[in-house]
C-alpha atoms as a PDB file:
ATOM      1  CA  LEU A   1      45.868  26.910  67.999  1.00  0.00           C
ATOM      2  CA  HIS A   2      48.539  26.025  65.457  1.00  0.00           C
ATOM      3  CA  LEU A   3      50.966  25.638  67.846  1.00  0.00           C
ATOM      4  CA  LEU A   4      48.308  23.508  70.026  1.00  0.00           C
ATOM      5  CA  HIS A   5      47.512  21.149  67.918  1.00  0.00           C
ATOM      6  CA  SER A   6      50.485  20.216  66.415  1.00  0.00           C
ATOM      7  CA  GLY A   7      52.339  20.103  69.790  1.00  0.00           C
ATOM      8  CA  HIS A   8      54.788  22.284  69.936  1.00  0.00           C
ATOM      9  CA  ILE A   9      52.598  24.211  72.836  1.00  0.00           C
ATOM     10  CA  ASN A  10      53.614  20.760  74.553  1.00  0.00           C
ATOM     11  CA  ASN A  11      53.483  20.933  78.805  1.00  0.00           C
ATOM     12  CA  TRP A  12      51.641  23.389  81.661  1.00  0.00           C
ATOM     13  CA  ASP A  13      54.323  26.118  81.678  1.00  0.00           C
ATOM     14  CA  LEU A  14      53.585  26.442  78.117  1.00  0.00           C
ATOM     15  CA  VAL A  15      49.464  26.114  78.487  1.00  0.00           C
ATOM     16  CA  ASP A  16      48.958  28.057  81.523  1.00  0.00           C
ATOM     17  CA  THR A  17      51.400  31.085  80.256  1.00  0.00           C
ATOM     18  CA  SER A  18      49.159  31.307  76.382  1.00  0.00           C
ATOM     19  CA  ALA A  19      45.653  29.842  76.595  1.00  0.00           C
ATOM     20  CA  PRO A  20      44.178  32.640  79.275  1.00  0.00           C
ATOM     21  CA  THR A  21      45.455  35.489  76.883  1.00  0.00           C
ATOM     22  CA  LEU A  22      45.524  34.207  73.430  1.00  0.00           C
ATOM     23  CA  LEU A  23      43.610  32.164  73.418  1.00  0.00           C
ATOM     24  CA  GLY A  24      40.508  33.381  75.691  1.00  0.00           C
ATOM     25  CA  GLY A  25      40.732  36.951  74.630  1.00  0.00           C
ATOM     26  CA  TRP A  26      40.300  35.678  71.025  1.00  0.00           C
ATOM     27  CA  VAL A  27      38.229  33.513  71.926  1.00  0.00           C
ATOM     28  CA  GLY A  28      36.060  36.141  73.722  1.00  0.00           C
ATOM     29  CA  GLU A  29      35.222  38.249  70.846  1.00  0.00           C
ATOM     30  CA  GLN A  30      33.869  34.790  69.408  1.00  0.00           C
ATOM     31  CA  SER A  31      31.967  32.095  70.007  1.00  0.00           C
ATOM     32  CA  PRO A  32      32.233  29.582  73.061  1.00  0.00           C
ATOM     33  CA  LYS A  33      32.632  26.088  70.594  1.00  0.00           C
ATOM     34  CA  PRO A  34      36.038  25.997  70.078  1.00  0.00           C
ATOM     35  CA  LEU A  35      36.634  26.525  73.346  1.00  0.00           C
ATOM     36  CA  LEU A  36      34.041  23.809  74.151  1.00  0.00           C
ATOM     37  CA  ASP A  37      36.112  21.619  70.896  1.00  0.00           C
ATOM     38  CA  LEU A  38      40.069  21.886  72.700  1.00  0.00           C
ATOM     39  CA  VAL A  39      37.845  20.840  75.916  1.00  0.00           C
ATOM     40  CA  ALA A  40      35.947  18.010  73.573  1.00  0.00           C
ATOM     41  CA  SER A  41      39.904  16.242  72.887  1.00  0.00           C
ATOM     42  CA  GLU A  42      41.898  13.562  74.070  1.00  0.00           C
ATOM     43  CA  ASN A  43      45.276  15.375  73.958  1.00  0.00           C
ATOM     44  CA  LEU A  44      46.124  16.392  77.784  1.00  0.00           C
ATOM     45  CA  TRP A  45      47.074  19.843  76.362  1.00  0.00           C
ATOM     46  CA  VAL A  46      44.670  21.439  74.707  1.00  0.00           C
ATOM     47  CA  ARG A  47      42.301  20.038  76.876  1.00  0.00           C
ATOM     48  CA  ARG A  48      43.586  21.624  79.718  1.00  0.00           C
ATOM     49  CA  ALA A  49      44.358  25.017  77.147  1.00  0.00           C
ATOM     50  CA  GLY A  50      39.918  24.810  76.800  1.00  0.00           C
ATOM     51  CA  ILE A  51      39.716  25.024  80.202  1.00  0.00           C
ATOM     52  CA  LEU A  52      42.135  28.025  81.233  1.00  0.00           C
ATOM     53  CA  ALA A  53      41.442  29.760  77.976  1.00  0.00           C
ATOM     54  CA  ALA A  54      38.424  30.296  80.076  1.00  0.00           C
ATOM     55  CA  PHE A  55      40.324  32.197  82.693  1.00  0.00           C
ATOM     56  CA  TRP A  56      39.591  35.239  79.950  1.00  0.00           C
ATOM     57  CA  LEU A  57      36.024  35.571  80.094  1.00  0.00           C
ATOM     58  CA  ILE A  58      36.160  34.799  84.424  1.00  0.00           C
ATOM     59  CA  GLY A  59      38.168  37.437  84.229  1.00  0.00           C
ATOM     60  CA  GLN A  60      35.612  39.850  82.361  1.00  0.00           C
ATOM     61  CA  GLY A  61      33.204  38.084  85.472  1.00  0.00           C
ATOM     62  CA  LYS A  62      31.213  35.922  82.528  1.00  0.00           C
ATOM     63  CA  PRO A  63      31.602  32.447  84.517  1.00  0.00           C
ATOM     64  CA  GLN A  64      28.585  30.285  82.598  1.00  0.00           C
ATOM     65  CA  LEU A  65      31.316  29.244  79.896  1.00  0.00           C
ATOM     66  CA  ALA A  66      33.982  28.422  82.246  1.00  0.00           C
ATOM     67  CA  LEU A  67      31.149  26.185  84.607  1.00  0.00           C
ATOM     68  CA  GLY A  68      29.607  24.257  81.849  1.00  0.00           C
ATOM     69  CA  ILE A  69      33.683  23.655  81.160  1.00  0.00           C
ATOM     70  CA  CYS A  70      34.047  22.042  84.403  1.00  0.00           C
ATOM     71  CA  VAL A  71      31.202  19.906  84.172  1.00  0.00           C
ATOM     72  CA  GLU A  72      32.286  18.620  80.833  1.00  0.00           C
ATOM     73  CA  VAL A  73      36.235  17.614  82.672  1.00  0.00           C
ATOM     74  CA  LEU A  74      33.788  16.470  86.209  1.00  0.00           C
ATOM     75  CA  ASP A  75      35.062  12.588  85.120  1.00  0.00           C
ATOM     76  CA  ASP A  76      38.645  13.365  84.337  1.00  0.00           C
ATOM     77  CA  ARG A  77      40.865  11.293  85.974  1.00  0.00           C
ATOM     78  CA  ARG A  78      43.866  13.528  85.240  1.00  0.00           C
ATOM     79  CA  ASP A  79      45.490  15.293  87.967  1.00  0.00           C
ATOM     80  CA  LEU A  80      46.060  18.600  85.348  1.00  0.00           C
ATOM     81  CA  ILE A  81      43.115  18.327  84.412  1.00  0.00           C
ATOM     82  CA  GLN A  82      41.656  18.205  87.978  1.00  0.00           C
ATOM     83  CA  LYS A  83      43.636  21.058  88.869  1.00  0.00           C
ATOM     84  CA  ALA A  84      42.868  23.378  86.036  1.00  0.00           C
ATOM     85  CA  SER A  85      38.862  22.825  87.044  1.00  0.00           C
ATOM     86  CA  GLY A  86      39.053  23.608  90.454  1.00  0.00           C
ATOM     87  CA  TRP A  87      41.739  26.833  89.361  1.00  0.00           C
ATOM     88  CA  ALA A  88      39.104  28.053  87.019  1.00  0.00           C
ATOM     89  CA  LEU A  89      36.103  27.209  90.074  1.00  0.00           C
ATOM     90  CA  ARG A  90      38.516  29.214  92.695  1.00  0.00           C
ATOM     91  CA  GLU A  91      38.668  31.558  90.542  1.00  0.00           C
ATOM     92  CA  ILE A  92      34.964  32.879  88.956  1.00  0.00           C
ATOM     93  CA  GLY A  93      33.989  32.114  93.132  1.00  0.00           C
ATOM     94  CA  LYS A  94      36.827  35.475  93.718  1.00  0.00           C
ATOM     95  CA  ARG A  95      36.388  37.402  90.635  1.00  0.00           C
ATOM     96  CA  CYS A  96      32.404  36.990  90.219  1.00  0.00           C
ATOM     97  CA  GLY A  97      30.548  36.231  92.984  1.00  0.00           C
ATOM     98  CA  ARG A  98      31.267  33.219  95.850  1.00  0.00           C
ATOM     99  CA  GLU A  99      27.842  32.124  94.913  1.00  0.00           C
ATOM    100  CA  HIS A 100      28.659  30.719  91.244  1.00  0.00           C
ATOM    101  CA  LEU A 101      30.905  28.531  93.295  1.00  0.00           C
ATOM    102  CA  ILE A 102      28.926  27.732  96.192  1.00  0.00           C
ATOM    103  CA  THR A 103      25.965  26.465  93.878  1.00  0.00           C
ATOM    104  CA  PHE A 104      28.848  24.715  92.070  1.00  0.00           C
ATOM    105  CA  LEU A 105      29.657  22.813  94.546  1.00  0.00           C
ATOM    106  CA  GLU A 106      25.922  22.230  95.973  1.00  0.00           C
ATOM    107  CA  SER A 107      25.803  19.763  92.350  1.00  0.00           C
ATOM    108  CA  HIS A 108      28.827  18.248  92.659  1.00  0.00           C
ATOM    109  CA  ALA A 109      30.802  18.461  95.447  1.00  0.00           C
ATOM    110  CA  ALA A 110      30.324  14.752  96.769  1.00  0.00           C
ATOM    111  CA  THR A 111      30.718  13.820  93.071  1.00  0.00           C
ATOM    112  CA  MET A 112      33.466  15.953  92.303  1.00  0.00           C
ATOM    113  CA  PRO A 113      36.806  14.428  92.327  1.00  0.00           C
ATOM    114  CA  ARG A 114      39.261  15.757  95.289  1.00  0.00           C
ATOM    115  CA  THR A 115      42.239  17.404  93.626  1.00  0.00           C
ATOM    116  CA  MET A 116      39.503  19.555  92.288  1.00  0.00           C
ATOM    117  CA  LEU A 117      37.569  20.386  95.103  1.00  0.00           C
ATOM    118  CA  ARG A 118      40.592  20.948  97.406  1.00  0.00           C
ATOM    119  CA  TYR A 119      41.537  23.235  94.916  1.00  0.00           C
ATOM    120  CA  ALA A 120      38.273  24.909  94.190  1.00  0.00           C
ATOM    121  CA  ILE A 121      37.916  25.099  98.123  1.00  0.00           C
ATOM    122  CA  GLU A 122      41.182  26.708  99.466  1.00  0.00           C
ATOM    123  CA  HIS A 123      40.398  30.113  99.317  1.00  0.00           C
ATOM    124  CA  LEU A 124      37.135  29.828 101.977  1.00  0.00           C
ATOM    125  CA  ASP A 125      37.495  29.589 104.967  1.00  0.00           C
ATOM    126  CA  GLU A 126      38.347  26.638 107.614  1.00  0.00           C
ATOM    127  CA  PRO A 127      35.478  25.262 108.254  1.00  0.00           C
ATOM    128  CA  GLU A 128      33.793  25.575 105.377  1.00  0.00           C
ATOM    129  CA  ARG A 129      36.640  24.027 103.387  1.00  0.00           C
ATOM    130  CA  LYS A 130      35.624  20.912 106.270  1.00  0.00           C
ATOM    131  CA  ARG A 131      32.664  21.141 105.753  1.00  0.00           C
ATOM    132  CA  TRP A 132      32.803  20.592 101.424  1.00  0.00           C
ATOM    133  CA  LEU A 133      35.707  18.047 102.121  1.00  0.00           C
ATOM    134  CA  ALA A 134      33.057  16.153 104.739  1.00  0.00           C
ATOM    135  CA  ALA A 135      30.327  16.102 101.912  1.00  0.00           C
ATOM    136  CA  LYS A 136      32.641  14.614  99.464  1.00  0.00           C
ATOM    137  CA  THR A 137      34.406  11.684 101.717  1.00  0.00           C
ATOM    138  CA  ARG A 138      29.767  10.820 103.246  1.00  0.00           C
ATOM    139  CA  GLN A 139      29.684  10.117  98.878  1.00  0.00           C
ATOM    140  CA  ALA A 140      32.695   8.136  99.218  1.00  0.00           C
ATOM    141  CA  VAL A 141      31.379   5.330 101.757  1.00  0.00           C
END
C-alpha cells in the first residue's frame, strides 16, 4: 500500500502483477474496506489496484465484493478502469458462475461503458455477445 500510495507502483503492469496476489490475498483475510477505499481514490493506479485486488476473491469463488466494485466504477470514463472492471466481470463468469455475470449484465449492460461491456462478454458465444451489444446500442439511441 505504501508503494502504491507513494507513486512507486504507477503503471498497468506493476498494478496488474502485484494487486491480485499481494493486496488481494492480504485483504481476503480481513475486511473489504481497504479495497473499497482504493476504488474510491481519484488516482488511476490506486483505483485500478482496488479492482484487481478483488481478483483474489474471485479466484476463491467469492464474487460479491468484485461485483460491488464494478457497480462503483460504472461511471468511470478511464479506459484502464473500464478494462479492469470488464475483466473482473469476465472472470466472475468463468470462475464463480455464469449466473453472476448474467445477473450483473441484466441490471447494467445498457448503461455500462462499452469497453467494460466488451471485456465482460468476451467469452460468451457470438449470438449472446451480439444480444448484449444490441441492448447497449438500443439504450444509446
